[in-house]
C-alpha cells in the first residue's frame, strides 16, 4: 500500500511544479486550487506515514500513531472542504449567485477539526491489515458526506447555467469521490482515500486548471477582444459626414470646423487597439466627442454627466461606453425623433460577491423595451459566451460589450438593463475597482505585451 501513496505523491508533486511555475490569473478560484494542491501534498505524506504506523502498532509509539492519525484525518476533511470551496466559487463565477452555504461549510470544518483533535482514536486489527475506526473516523466520514450534499445543493439550482466542460469536471470529481468513499467503507483495509483525492484533483487540473489550456484560451480571448473592438458601426460615420456636408453647403462658418474636429477626436480615441484597459476619464473623453456630434445633429437631444471625480483614474475596458450610448439612441430615442436625454453616471458601489466595485449607468428617456425584447436581451447577456460575435443586427453593441467585460474583468462583472419607472431604460455596467480581479491587464497574466 505504501507504494501507492508514494506514486500518488510523485504524480501530484509533478503537477504542482508545473502549476505553481506557470503564469496564471490570481482569482479566488485559482488561489483555492493552489491551496488545495499544497494541502493534498501534505495529506499524502501523512497518508503514507499512517499506512506504515497503523500496520506496525507493536513497534511504533502509541502517541506518535495518534498524532499522525489526527493530522491525517484533519487534512482529509480540510481537502474535501477545499473541493467544496472550489466548486462553490466555480458555480458563483458561472451564475453570479452568492455562496450562501459558505458559513455553514466553515462551521462544519471547525467542528470537525475540533472533534478530530479531541475524540478518542481506536485501531482495528485484522488479518488483512489494520486501520483506524471508531467515533473520530465517523466524524470524518459524516463531514465528507455533508460536504457532498452541499455540492449537490449548489449544483441543483445552477446545473443548466454551467458550461459543459465544467459540468464534466465536477461530475467526474464527485463520482470519483463517492465511489472511492463507498469502496473504503466496504473495504476499510484498502486505505485508498488518498487515491480518491488525487483523482479528483486530476479531473479539475486536466479540464479546468491546466496552464497550457489556460494559455490557449488567453490567446483566443486576446484575438476575440481585438476582433470585437474593430466592430464599429459604419452608419454613424456616414450619417455624421453627411450632416457636416449639408452644414458646409448651407453656411461656411466655425461650427463646421468644430464638428470636424470632434469627429477627428472621436476616431483618434476609438482606434487605440494597443490598450485593452484605459482610464475612465479617457473613455469619457471619447464618449463626449461622440455625444457632441450627435447633439449637434439632433438639437433636441441632451446629454448630462454625473461622474465621481475620484474615479477618473480607474481602469475600464476600452470602448465600452460609446456602443451602449449608441444603442440607447438607435433603439430608444430614435422612436421619439431623438428628443430626450441621456444621462451617464459613475460611482462606487459594493457587490455582495465582488466587494468594492465601479458601477457605470447609461440612462435614457427613450421608448424602452418593445414586446418580447426584454427577454431577448436578458437571454443574450446571460448566454453571451454561447453567442458568436456579431457584425450586424440590433444587438451588436451590447453583446460585444458584454463579451469584452467578461473576458477582461471576469465573470463576476458585466452588463444588464433595467426599465425606468418614468420610461426608457438604464444600462448598468459593474466593473472592478482595482487590479485583483482583472483577468487580463497589460499582459500581466502571461508576462508579455497585450495585442
Protein backbone atom coordinates (compact mmCIF):
# COMPACT_ATOMS: atom_id res chain seq x y z
CA UNK A 1 0.00 0.00 0.00
CA UNK A 2 2.83 2.39 0.78
CA UNK A 3 3.96 2.20 -2.83
CA UNK A 4 0.61 3.65 -3.97
CA UNK A 5 0.95 6.66 -1.63
CA UNK A 6 4.47 7.32 -2.92
CA UNK A 7 3.28 7.11 -6.53
CA UNK A 8 0.33 9.43 -5.85
CA UNK A 9 2.60 11.95 -4.13
CA UNK A 10 5.02 11.97 -7.06
CA UNK A 11 2.18 12.49 -9.56
CA UNK A 12 0.71 15.35 -7.55
CA UNK A 13 4.12 16.90 -6.92
CA UNK A 14 4.81 16.81 -10.68
CA UNK A 15 1.51 18.61 -11.34
CA UNK A 16 2.21 21.14 -8.56
CA UNK A 17 5.62 22.05 -10.03
CA UNK A 18 4.06 22.84 -13.40
CA UNK A 19 1.07 24.62 -11.89
CA UNK A 20 2.98 26.86 -9.47
CA UNK A 21 5.66 27.75 -12.03
CA UNK A 22 3.20 28.66 -14.79
CA UNK A 23 1.84 32.18 -15.16
CA UNK A 24 -1.77 32.12 -14.05
CA UNK A 25 -4.54 34.51 -13.12
CA UNK A 26 -4.76 35.15 -9.39
CA UNK A 27 -8.50 34.77 -8.98
CA UNK A 28 -10.28 33.24 -5.94
CA UNK A 29 -10.79 30.05 -7.95
CA UNK A 30 -7.11 29.61 -8.74
CA UNK A 31 -6.00 30.58 -5.25
CA UNK A 32 -8.30 27.87 -3.88
CA UNK A 33 -6.83 25.29 -6.25
CA UNK A 34 -3.30 26.34 -5.26
CA UNK A 35 -4.12 25.86 -1.58
CA UNK A 36 -5.78 22.52 -2.38
CA UNK A 37 -2.62 21.26 -4.08
CA UNK A 38 -0.50 22.21 -1.06
CA UNK A 39 -2.90 20.56 1.42
CA UNK A 40 -3.06 17.36 -0.66
CA UNK A 41 0.72 17.07 -0.83
CA UNK A 42 0.88 17.27 2.97
CA UNK A 43 -2.04 14.85 3.24
CA UNK A 44 -0.34 12.24 1.02
CA UNK A 45 2.80 12.41 3.15
CA UNK A 46 0.68 11.80 6.25
CA UNK A 47 -1.24 9.08 4.38
CA UNK A 48 1.96 7.19 3.66
CA UNK A 49 3.20 7.65 7.24
CA UNK A 50 -0.04 6.35 8.79
CA UNK A 51 -0.20 3.38 6.41
CA UNK A 52 3.12 2.31 7.87
CA UNK A 53 2.42 3.17 11.52
CA UNK A 54 -1.06 1.59 11.67
CA UNK A 55 0.39 -1.72 10.45
CA UNK A 56 3.27 -1.59 12.96
CA UNK A 57 1.36 -0.88 16.17
CA UNK A 58 3.69 -3.11 18.15
CA UNK A 59 6.80 -1.09 17.29
CA UNK A 60 5.55 2.50 16.71
CA UNK A 61 4.86 4.51 19.91
CA UNK A 62 1.12 4.93 20.50
CA UNK A 63 1.42 8.73 20.96
CA UNK A 64 3.14 9.11 17.59
CA UNK A 65 0.47 6.96 15.97
CA UNK A 66 -2.29 9.13 17.48
CA UNK A 67 -0.65 12.40 16.39
CA UNK A 68 -0.11 11.23 12.82
CA UNK A 69 -3.65 9.89 12.52
CA UNK A 70 -5.22 13.10 13.85
CA UNK A 71 -3.19 15.13 11.33
CA UNK A 72 -4.03 12.68 8.54
CA UNK A 73 -7.78 12.74 9.15
CA UNK A 74 -7.73 16.52 9.75
CA UNK A 75 -6.08 17.22 6.37
CA UNK A 76 -8.53 14.81 4.71
CA UNK A 77 -11.52 16.87 5.93
CA UNK A 78 -9.72 20.12 5.03
CA UNK A 79 -9.07 18.85 1.49
CA UNK A 80 -12.73 17.92 0.99
CA UNK A 81 -13.74 21.36 2.31
CA UNK A 82 -11.45 22.97 -0.29
CA UNK A 83 -13.02 20.83 -3.01
CA UNK A 84 -16.41 22.15 -1.92
CA UNK A 85 -15.00 25.72 -1.95
CA UNK A 86 -13.61 25.24 -5.44
CA UNK A 87 -16.95 24.00 -6.78
CA UNK A 88 -18.82 26.78 -4.94
CA UNK A 89 -16.59 29.51 -6.41
CA UNK A 90 -16.83 27.96 -9.87
CA UNK A 91 -20.64 27.92 -9.68
CA UNK A 92 -20.65 31.50 -8.38
CA UNK A 93 -18.49 32.70 -11.28
CA UNK A 94 -20.74 30.97 -13.79
CA UNK A 95 -24.10 32.07 -12.36
CA UNK A 96 -23.36 35.21 -10.31
CA UNK A 97 -25.21 33.73 -7.33
CA UNK A 98 -23.55 34.31 -3.89
CA UNK A 99 -22.19 31.34 -1.94
CA UNK A 100 -24.92 31.00 0.71
CA UNK A 101 -23.59 27.77 2.22
CA UNK A 102 -20.10 29.11 2.95
CA UNK A 103 -20.73 29.95 6.59
CA UNK A 104 -22.24 26.53 7.27
CA UNK A 105 -19.30 24.88 5.48
CA UNK A 106 -16.78 26.79 7.62
CA UNK A 107 -18.63 25.98 10.85
CA UNK A 108 -18.70 22.32 9.85
CA UNK A 109 -14.94 22.45 9.18
CA UNK A 110 -14.26 23.96 12.62
CA UNK A 111 -16.47 21.45 14.46
CA UNK A 112 -15.00 18.51 12.53
CA UNK A 113 -11.39 19.55 13.13
CA UNK A 114 -12.12 20.04 16.83
CA UNK A 115 -13.70 16.59 17.05
CA UNK A 116 -10.77 15.01 15.22
CA UNK A 117 -8.41 16.72 17.67
CA UNK A 118 -10.08 15.61 20.92
CA UNK A 119 -12.13 12.47 20.23
CA UNK A 120 -10.52 9.11 21.05
CA UNK A 121 -8.85 7.01 18.34
CA UNK A 122 -9.37 3.27 18.02
CA UNK A 123 -7.39 0.91 15.81
CA UNK A 124 -8.98 -2.21 14.34
CA UNK A 125 -6.60 -5.13 13.93
CA UNK A 126 -7.50 -7.70 11.22
CA UNK A 127 -5.80 -10.43 9.26
CA UNK A 128 -5.96 -8.31 6.08
CA UNK A 129 -4.40 -5.26 7.75
CA UNK A 130 -5.03 -2.64 10.41
CA UNK A 131 -6.98 0.61 10.18
CA UNK A 132 -8.40 3.32 12.43
CA UNK A 133 -12.12 3.29 13.26
CA UNK A 134 -14.47 4.50 15.95
CA UNK A 135 -16.16 7.85 16.62
CA UNK A 136 -13.32 10.01 15.31
CA UNK A 137 -13.39 8.38 11.88
CA UNK A 138 -17.20 8.55 11.91
CA UNK A 139 -16.97 12.33 12.36
CA UNK A 140 -14.67 12.47 9.33
CA UNK A 141 -16.99 10.42 7.12
CA UNK A 142 -20.04 12.38 8.26
CA UNK A 143 -18.33 15.68 7.42
CA UNK A 144 -17.38 14.43 3.98
CA UNK A 145 -20.96 13.29 3.35
CA UNK A 146 -22.32 16.71 4.35
CA UNK A 147 -19.87 18.48 2.02
CA UNK A 148 -21.04 16.25 -0.83
CA UNK A 149 -24.65 17.20 0.00
CA UNK A 150 -23.62 20.88 -0.06
CA UNK A 151 -22.16 20.36 -3.53
CA UNK A 152 -25.35 18.71 -4.76
CA UNK A 153 -27.44 21.60 -3.37
CA UNK A 154 -25.19 24.11 -5.16
CA UNK A 155 -25.43 22.26 -8.44
CA UNK A 156 -29.17 21.52 -8.28
CA UNK A 157 -30.20 25.11 -8.91
CA UNK A 158 -27.38 26.03 -11.30
CA UNK A 159 -26.78 22.99 -13.49
CA UNK A 160 -28.32 24.41 -16.65
CA UNK A 161 -26.25 27.61 -16.39
CA UNK A 162 -22.88 25.83 -16.13
CA UNK A 163 -20.52 25.42 -19.05
CA UNK A 164 -20.39 21.86 -20.45
CA UNK A 165 -16.69 21.44 -19.67
CA UNK A 166 -17.24 22.47 -16.05
CA UNK A 167 -20.17 20.08 -15.75
CA UNK A 168 -17.95 17.22 -16.89
CA UNK A 169 -15.16 18.15 -14.47
CA UNK A 170 -17.47 18.47 -11.46
CA UNK A 171 -19.40 15.30 -12.31
CA UNK A 172 -16.19 13.30 -12.69
CA UNK A 173 -14.75 14.62 -9.42
CA UNK A 174 -17.91 13.90 -7.40
CA UNK A 175 -18.38 10.46 -8.96
CA UNK A 176 -14.76 9.56 -8.18
CA UNK A 177 -15.02 10.74 -4.59
CA UNK A 178 -18.33 8.97 -3.97
CA UNK A 179 -17.03 5.71 -5.50
CA UNK A 180 -13.80 5.74 -3.51
CA UNK A 181 -15.65 6.59 -0.28
CA UNK A 182 -18.03 3.65 -0.77
CA UNK A 183 -15.16 1.28 -1.56
CA UNK A 184 -13.29 2.49 1.53
CA UNK A 185 -16.42 1.98 3.66
CA UNK A 186 -16.91 -1.62 2.45
CA UNK A 187 -13.18 -2.43 2.47
CA UNK A 188 -11.62 -0.33 5.27
CA UNK A 189 -8.26 -2.12 5.00
CA UNK A 190 -7.77 -0.83 1.45
CA UNK A 191 -6.82 2.68 2.74
CA UNK A 192 -7.47 4.37 -0.64
CA UNK A 193 -8.72 7.82 0.42
CA UNK A 194 -5.54 9.42 -0.95
CA UNK A 195 -6.17 7.89 -4.37
CA UNK A 196 -9.68 9.36 -4.45
CA UNK A 197 -8.48 12.86 -3.61
CA UNK A 198 -5.67 12.68 -6.15
CA UNK A 199 -8.03 11.56 -8.92
CA UNK A 200 -10.45 14.39 -8.06
CA UNK A 201 -7.59 16.87 -8.31
CA UNK A 202 -6.55 15.42 -11.66
CA UNK A 203 -10.09 15.79 -13.02
CA UNK A 204 -10.04 19.52 -12.23
CA UNK A 205 -6.46 20.02 -13.36
CA UNK A 206 -6.84 18.31 -16.71
CA UNK A 207 -10.11 20.03 -17.64
CA UNK A 208 -10.02 23.43 -15.92
CA UNK A 209 -6.62 24.30 -14.44
CA UNK A 210 -4.04 23.09 -16.96
CA UNK A 211 -1.76 26.09 -17.66
CA UNK A 212 -1.41 25.14 -21.34
CA UNK A 213 -5.19 25.13 -21.77
CA UNK A 214 -5.48 28.46 -19.97
CA UNK A 215 -2.71 29.93 -22.11
CA UNK A 216 -4.50 28.84 -25.27
CA UNK A 217 -7.77 30.32 -24.00
CA UNK A 218 -5.98 33.57 -23.16
CA UNK A 219 -4.60 33.88 -26.69
CA UNK A 220 -8.08 33.21 -28.06
CA UNK A 221 -9.52 35.86 -25.74
CA UNK A 222 -6.95 38.44 -26.87
CA UNK A 223 -7.81 37.77 -30.51
CA UNK A 224 -11.52 37.91 -29.73
CA UNK A 225 -11.16 41.24 -27.96
CA UNK A 226 -9.20 42.72 -30.85
CA UNK A 227 -11.87 41.48 -33.22
CA UNK A 228 -14.71 42.86 -31.10
CA UNK A 229 -13.05 46.28 -30.86
CA UNK A 230 -12.95 46.52 -34.62
CA UNK A 231 -16.74 46.27 -34.96
CA UNK A 232 -17.67 49.98 -35.13
CA UNK A 233 -20.99 50.59 -36.84
CA UNK A 234 -20.11 52.41 -40.13
CA UNK A 235 -23.55 54.05 -40.34
CA UNK A 236 -22.53 56.53 -37.67
CA UNK A 237 -19.58 57.69 -39.82
CA UNK A 238 -21.74 58.02 -42.95
CA UNK A 239 -24.54 59.91 -41.22
CA UNK A 240 -22.20 62.31 -39.44
CA UNK A 241 -20.21 63.10 -42.58
CA UNK A 242 -23.49 63.73 -44.38
CA UNK A 243 -24.52 66.16 -41.63
CA UNK A 244 -21.23 68.01 -41.99
CA UNK A 245 -21.61 68.10 -45.77
CA UNK A 246 -25.08 69.62 -45.56
CA UNK A 247 -23.94 72.15 -42.98
CA UNK A 248 -20.99 73.16 -45.17
CA UNK A 249 -23.33 73.76 -48.08
CA UNK A 250 -25.63 75.99 -46.06
CA UNK A 251 -23.12 78.22 -44.31
CA UNK A 252 -19.36 78.46 -44.27
CA UNK A 253 -18.81 79.02 -40.55
CA UNK A 254 -16.91 77.81 -37.46
CA UNK A 255 -19.40 75.12 -36.35
CA UNK A 256 -18.39 73.02 -39.34
CA UNK A 257 -14.76 73.11 -38.30
CA UNK A 258 -15.75 72.28 -34.71
CA UNK A 259 -17.81 69.32 -35.84
CA UNK A 260 -14.99 68.02 -37.97
CA UNK A 261 -12.57 68.41 -35.09
CA UNK A 262 -14.81 66.40 -32.77
CA UNK A 263 -15.16 63.72 -35.42
CA UNK A 264 -11.38 63.51 -35.69
CA UNK A 265 -11.15 63.33 -31.89
CA UNK A 266 -13.66 60.52 -31.81
CA UNK A 267 -11.87 58.32 -34.30
CA UNK A 268 -8.46 59.15 -32.85
CA UNK A 269 -9.60 57.90 -29.46
CA UNK A 270 -11.62 54.93 -30.74
CA UNK A 271 -8.77 53.22 -32.60
CA UNK A 272 -6.47 52.71 -29.60
CA UNK A 273 -6.33 48.96 -30.13
CA UNK A 274 -2.95 48.72 -28.38
CA UNK A 275 -4.59 49.17 -24.96
CA UNK A 276 -7.30 46.93 -23.61
CA UNK A 277 -7.75 48.96 -20.41
CA UNK A 278 -7.97 52.76 -20.28
CA UNK A 279 -8.69 55.30 -17.56
CA UNK A 280 -12.35 56.16 -17.10
CA UNK A 281 -11.51 59.78 -17.98
CA UNK A 282 -10.19 58.66 -21.40
CA UNK A 283 -13.31 56.58 -22.03
CA UNK A 284 -15.50 59.57 -21.12
CA UNK A 285 -13.49 61.84 -23.44
CA UNK A 286 -14.32 59.52 -26.32
CA UNK A 287 -17.98 59.48 -25.33
CA UNK A 288 -18.14 63.27 -25.04
CA UNK A 289 -16.75 63.65 -28.58
CA UNK A 290 -19.41 61.25 -29.86
CA UNK A 291 -22.28 62.92 -27.99
CA UNK A 292 -21.31 66.43 -29.09
CA UNK A 293 -21.63 65.27 -32.66
CA UNK A 294 -24.98 63.59 -32.03
CA UNK A 295 -26.39 66.54 -30.07
CA UNK A 296 -25.39 68.91 -32.88
CA UNK A 297 -27.11 66.69 -35.39
CA UNK A 298 -30.22 66.38 -33.18
CA UNK A 299 -30.66 69.69 -31.32
CA UNK A 300 -33.44 68.33 -29.06
CA UNK A 301 -31.13 65.64 -27.72
CA UNK A 302 -29.24 66.38 -24.49
CA UNK A 303 -26.55 64.54 -22.57
CA UNK A 304 -25.62 65.04 -18.89
CA UNK A 305 -22.88 63.52 -16.74
CA UNK A 306 -22.70 62.66 -13.05
CA UNK A 307 -19.21 61.22 -12.51
CA UNK A 308 -17.47 60.81 -9.18
CA UNK A 309 -14.27 62.85 -9.73
CA UNK A 310 -12.24 60.37 -7.66
CA UNK A 311 -12.92 57.61 -10.19
CA UNK A 312 -11.30 59.23 -13.23
CA UNK A 313 -8.17 57.11 -12.96
CA UNK A 314 -9.93 53.75 -12.54
CA UNK A 315 -9.12 51.41 -15.43
CA UNK A 316 -12.06 50.19 -17.51
CA UNK A 317 -12.23 48.11 -20.71
CA UNK A 318 -11.55 50.29 -23.73
CA UNK A 319 -14.52 51.33 -25.90
CA UNK A 320 -17.45 50.07 -23.81
CA UNK A 321 -19.46 53.29 -23.24
CA UNK A 322 -19.97 54.56 -26.80
CA UNK A 323 -21.64 51.35 -28.09
CA UNK A 324 -24.07 51.36 -25.15
CA UNK A 325 -24.97 55.03 -25.64
CA UNK A 326 -25.33 54.47 -29.38
CA UNK A 327 -27.67 51.58 -28.62
CA UNK A 328 -29.78 53.89 -26.42
CA UNK A 329 -30.06 56.39 -29.24
CA UNK A 330 -30.86 53.94 -32.03
CA UNK A 331 -33.26 51.72 -30.11
CA UNK A 332 -34.76 54.10 -27.59
CA UNK A 333 -34.66 57.77 -28.56
CA UNK A 334 -34.89 57.23 -32.32
CA UNK A 335 -38.56 56.31 -31.90
CA UNK A 336 -39.09 59.69 -30.24
CA UNK A 337 -37.40 61.62 -33.02
CA UNK A 338 -34.20 61.87 -30.97
CA UNK A 339 -35.96 64.10 -28.45
CA UNK A 340 -34.88 63.33 -24.93
CA UNK A 341 -31.96 62.91 -22.61
CA UNK A 342 -29.09 60.52 -22.00
CA UNK A 343 -27.55 60.60 -18.51
CA UNK A 344 -24.23 58.94 -17.76
CA UNK A 345 -23.23 58.36 -14.12
CA UNK A 346 -20.32 56.57 -12.47
CA UNK A 347 -19.96 55.84 -8.77
CA UNK A 348 -18.57 53.40 -6.23
CA UNK A 349 -20.79 50.54 -5.15
CA UNK A 350 -20.45 47.35 -3.16
CA UNK A 351 -21.32 43.94 -4.54
CA UNK A 352 -22.19 41.06 -2.22
CA UNK A 353 -19.90 38.85 -4.30
CA UNK A 354 -17.16 41.13 -5.65
CA UNK A 355 -16.82 43.73 -2.86
CA UNK A 356 -15.94 47.32 -3.85
CA UNK A 357 -16.83 47.93 -7.50
CA UNK A 358 -17.35 50.68 -10.05
CA UNK A 359 -20.85 50.96 -11.50
CA UNK A 360 -21.49 52.96 -14.67
CA UNK A 361 -25.07 53.71 -15.68
CA UNK A 362 -26.38 54.95 -19.02
CA UNK A 363 -29.96 56.11 -18.59
CA UNK A 364 -32.17 57.26 -21.46
CA UNK A 365 -35.68 58.67 -21.70
CA UNK A 366 -36.47 56.62 -24.79
CA UNK A 367 -39.31 54.27 -25.62
CA UNK A 368 -38.00 51.32 -23.59
CA UNK A 369 -38.35 47.65 -24.50
CA UNK A 370 -40.79 46.58 -27.15
CA UNK A 371 -42.87 43.48 -26.50
CA UNK A 372 -40.66 40.43 -26.03
CA UNK A 373 -37.45 42.45 -26.36
CA UNK A 374 -36.61 42.40 -22.64
CA UNK A 375 -36.48 38.60 -22.51
CA UNK A 376 -34.44 38.52 -25.72
CA UNK A 377 -31.84 40.96 -24.34
CA UNK A 378 -31.62 39.18 -20.98
CA UNK A 379 -31.08 35.83 -22.71
CA UNK A 380 -28.39 37.39 -24.94
CA UNK A 381 -26.49 38.87 -22.00
CA UNK A 382 -26.79 35.77 -19.81
CA UNK A 383 -25.57 33.37 -22.51
CA UNK A 384 -23.07 35.75 -24.11
CA UNK A 385 -20.38 33.04 -24.19
CA UNK A 386 -22.53 30.85 -26.43
CA UNK A 387 -23.16 33.66 -28.94
CA UNK A 388 -20.81 34.31 -31.85
CA UNK A 389 -19.51 37.92 -32.22
CA UNK A 390 -21.90 39.83 -34.46
CA UNK A 391 -21.10 42.10 -37.37
CA UNK A 392 -24.62 43.38 -37.85
CA UNK A 393 -28.03 43.39 -36.21
CA UNK A 394 -29.73 45.18 -33.36
CA UNK A 395 -27.66 43.65 -30.58
CA UNK A 396 -24.10 44.05 -31.84
CA UNK A 397 -23.25 46.71 -29.25
CA UNK A 398 -24.48 45.09 -26.07
CA UNK A 399 -23.25 41.59 -26.97
CA UNK A 400 -19.74 42.74 -27.81
CA UNK A 401 -19.53 44.96 -24.71
CA UNK A 402 -20.68 42.07 -22.50
CA UNK A 403 -18.10 39.75 -24.05
CA UNK A 404 -15.26 42.24 -23.53
CA UNK A 405 -16.17 43.00 -19.90
CA UNK A 406 -16.38 39.29 -19.07
CA UNK A 407 -13.12 38.46 -20.83
CA UNK A 408 -11.15 41.38 -19.35
CA UNK A 409 -12.62 41.64 -15.86
CA UNK A 410 -14.04 38.21 -15.02
CA UNK A 411 -17.42 36.53 -14.97
CA UNK A 412 -18.49 38.33 -11.80
CA UNK A 413 -18.77 41.61 -13.73
CA UNK A 414 -20.86 42.62 -16.70
CA UNK A 415 -23.77 44.46 -18.27
CA UNK A 416 -27.51 44.34 -17.54
CA UNK A 417 -30.58 46.50 -18.17
CA UNK A 418 -33.45 47.81 -16.04
CA UNK A 419 -36.58 49.70 -17.01
CA UNK A 420 -37.05 53.23 -15.65
CA UNK A 421 -40.31 53.99 -13.80
CA UNK A 422 -40.77 57.15 -15.90
CA UNK A 423 -39.93 55.42 -19.18
CA UNK A 424 -36.79 54.46 -21.00
CA UNK A 425 -34.01 52.11 -19.98
CA UNK A 426 -30.89 52.14 -17.84
CA UNK A 427 -27.82 50.13 -18.80
CA UNK A 428 -25.75 49.08 -15.77
CA UNK A 429 -22.09 48.08 -16.06
CA UNK A 430 -20.40 46.56 -13.00
CA UNK A 431 -16.59 46.77 -13.16
CA UNK A 432 -13.74 46.07 -10.72
CA UNK A 433 -12.14 48.95 -8.81
CA UNK A 434 -8.63 47.52 -8.66
CA UNK A 435 -6.14 45.04 -10.16
CA UNK A 436 -7.05 41.91 -8.20
CA UNK A 437 -9.91 40.66 -10.35
CA UNK A 438 -8.52 41.63 -13.75
CA UNK A 439 -8.21 38.52 -15.85
CA UNK A 440 -6.02 40.26 -18.44
CA UNK A 441 -4.37 43.64 -17.97
CA UNK A 442 -1.34 44.80 -19.88
CA UNK A 443 -0.28 41.20 -20.41
CA UNK A 444 0.35 40.53 -16.69
CA UNK A 445 -1.15 37.06 -16.89
CA UNK A 446 1.40 35.93 -19.42
CA UNK A 447 4.28 38.32 -18.84
CA UNK A 448 4.01 39.72 -22.37
CA UNK A 449 2.60 42.67 -24.26
CA UNK A 450 -1.10 42.56 -24.94
CA UNK A 451 -2.18 42.52 -28.55
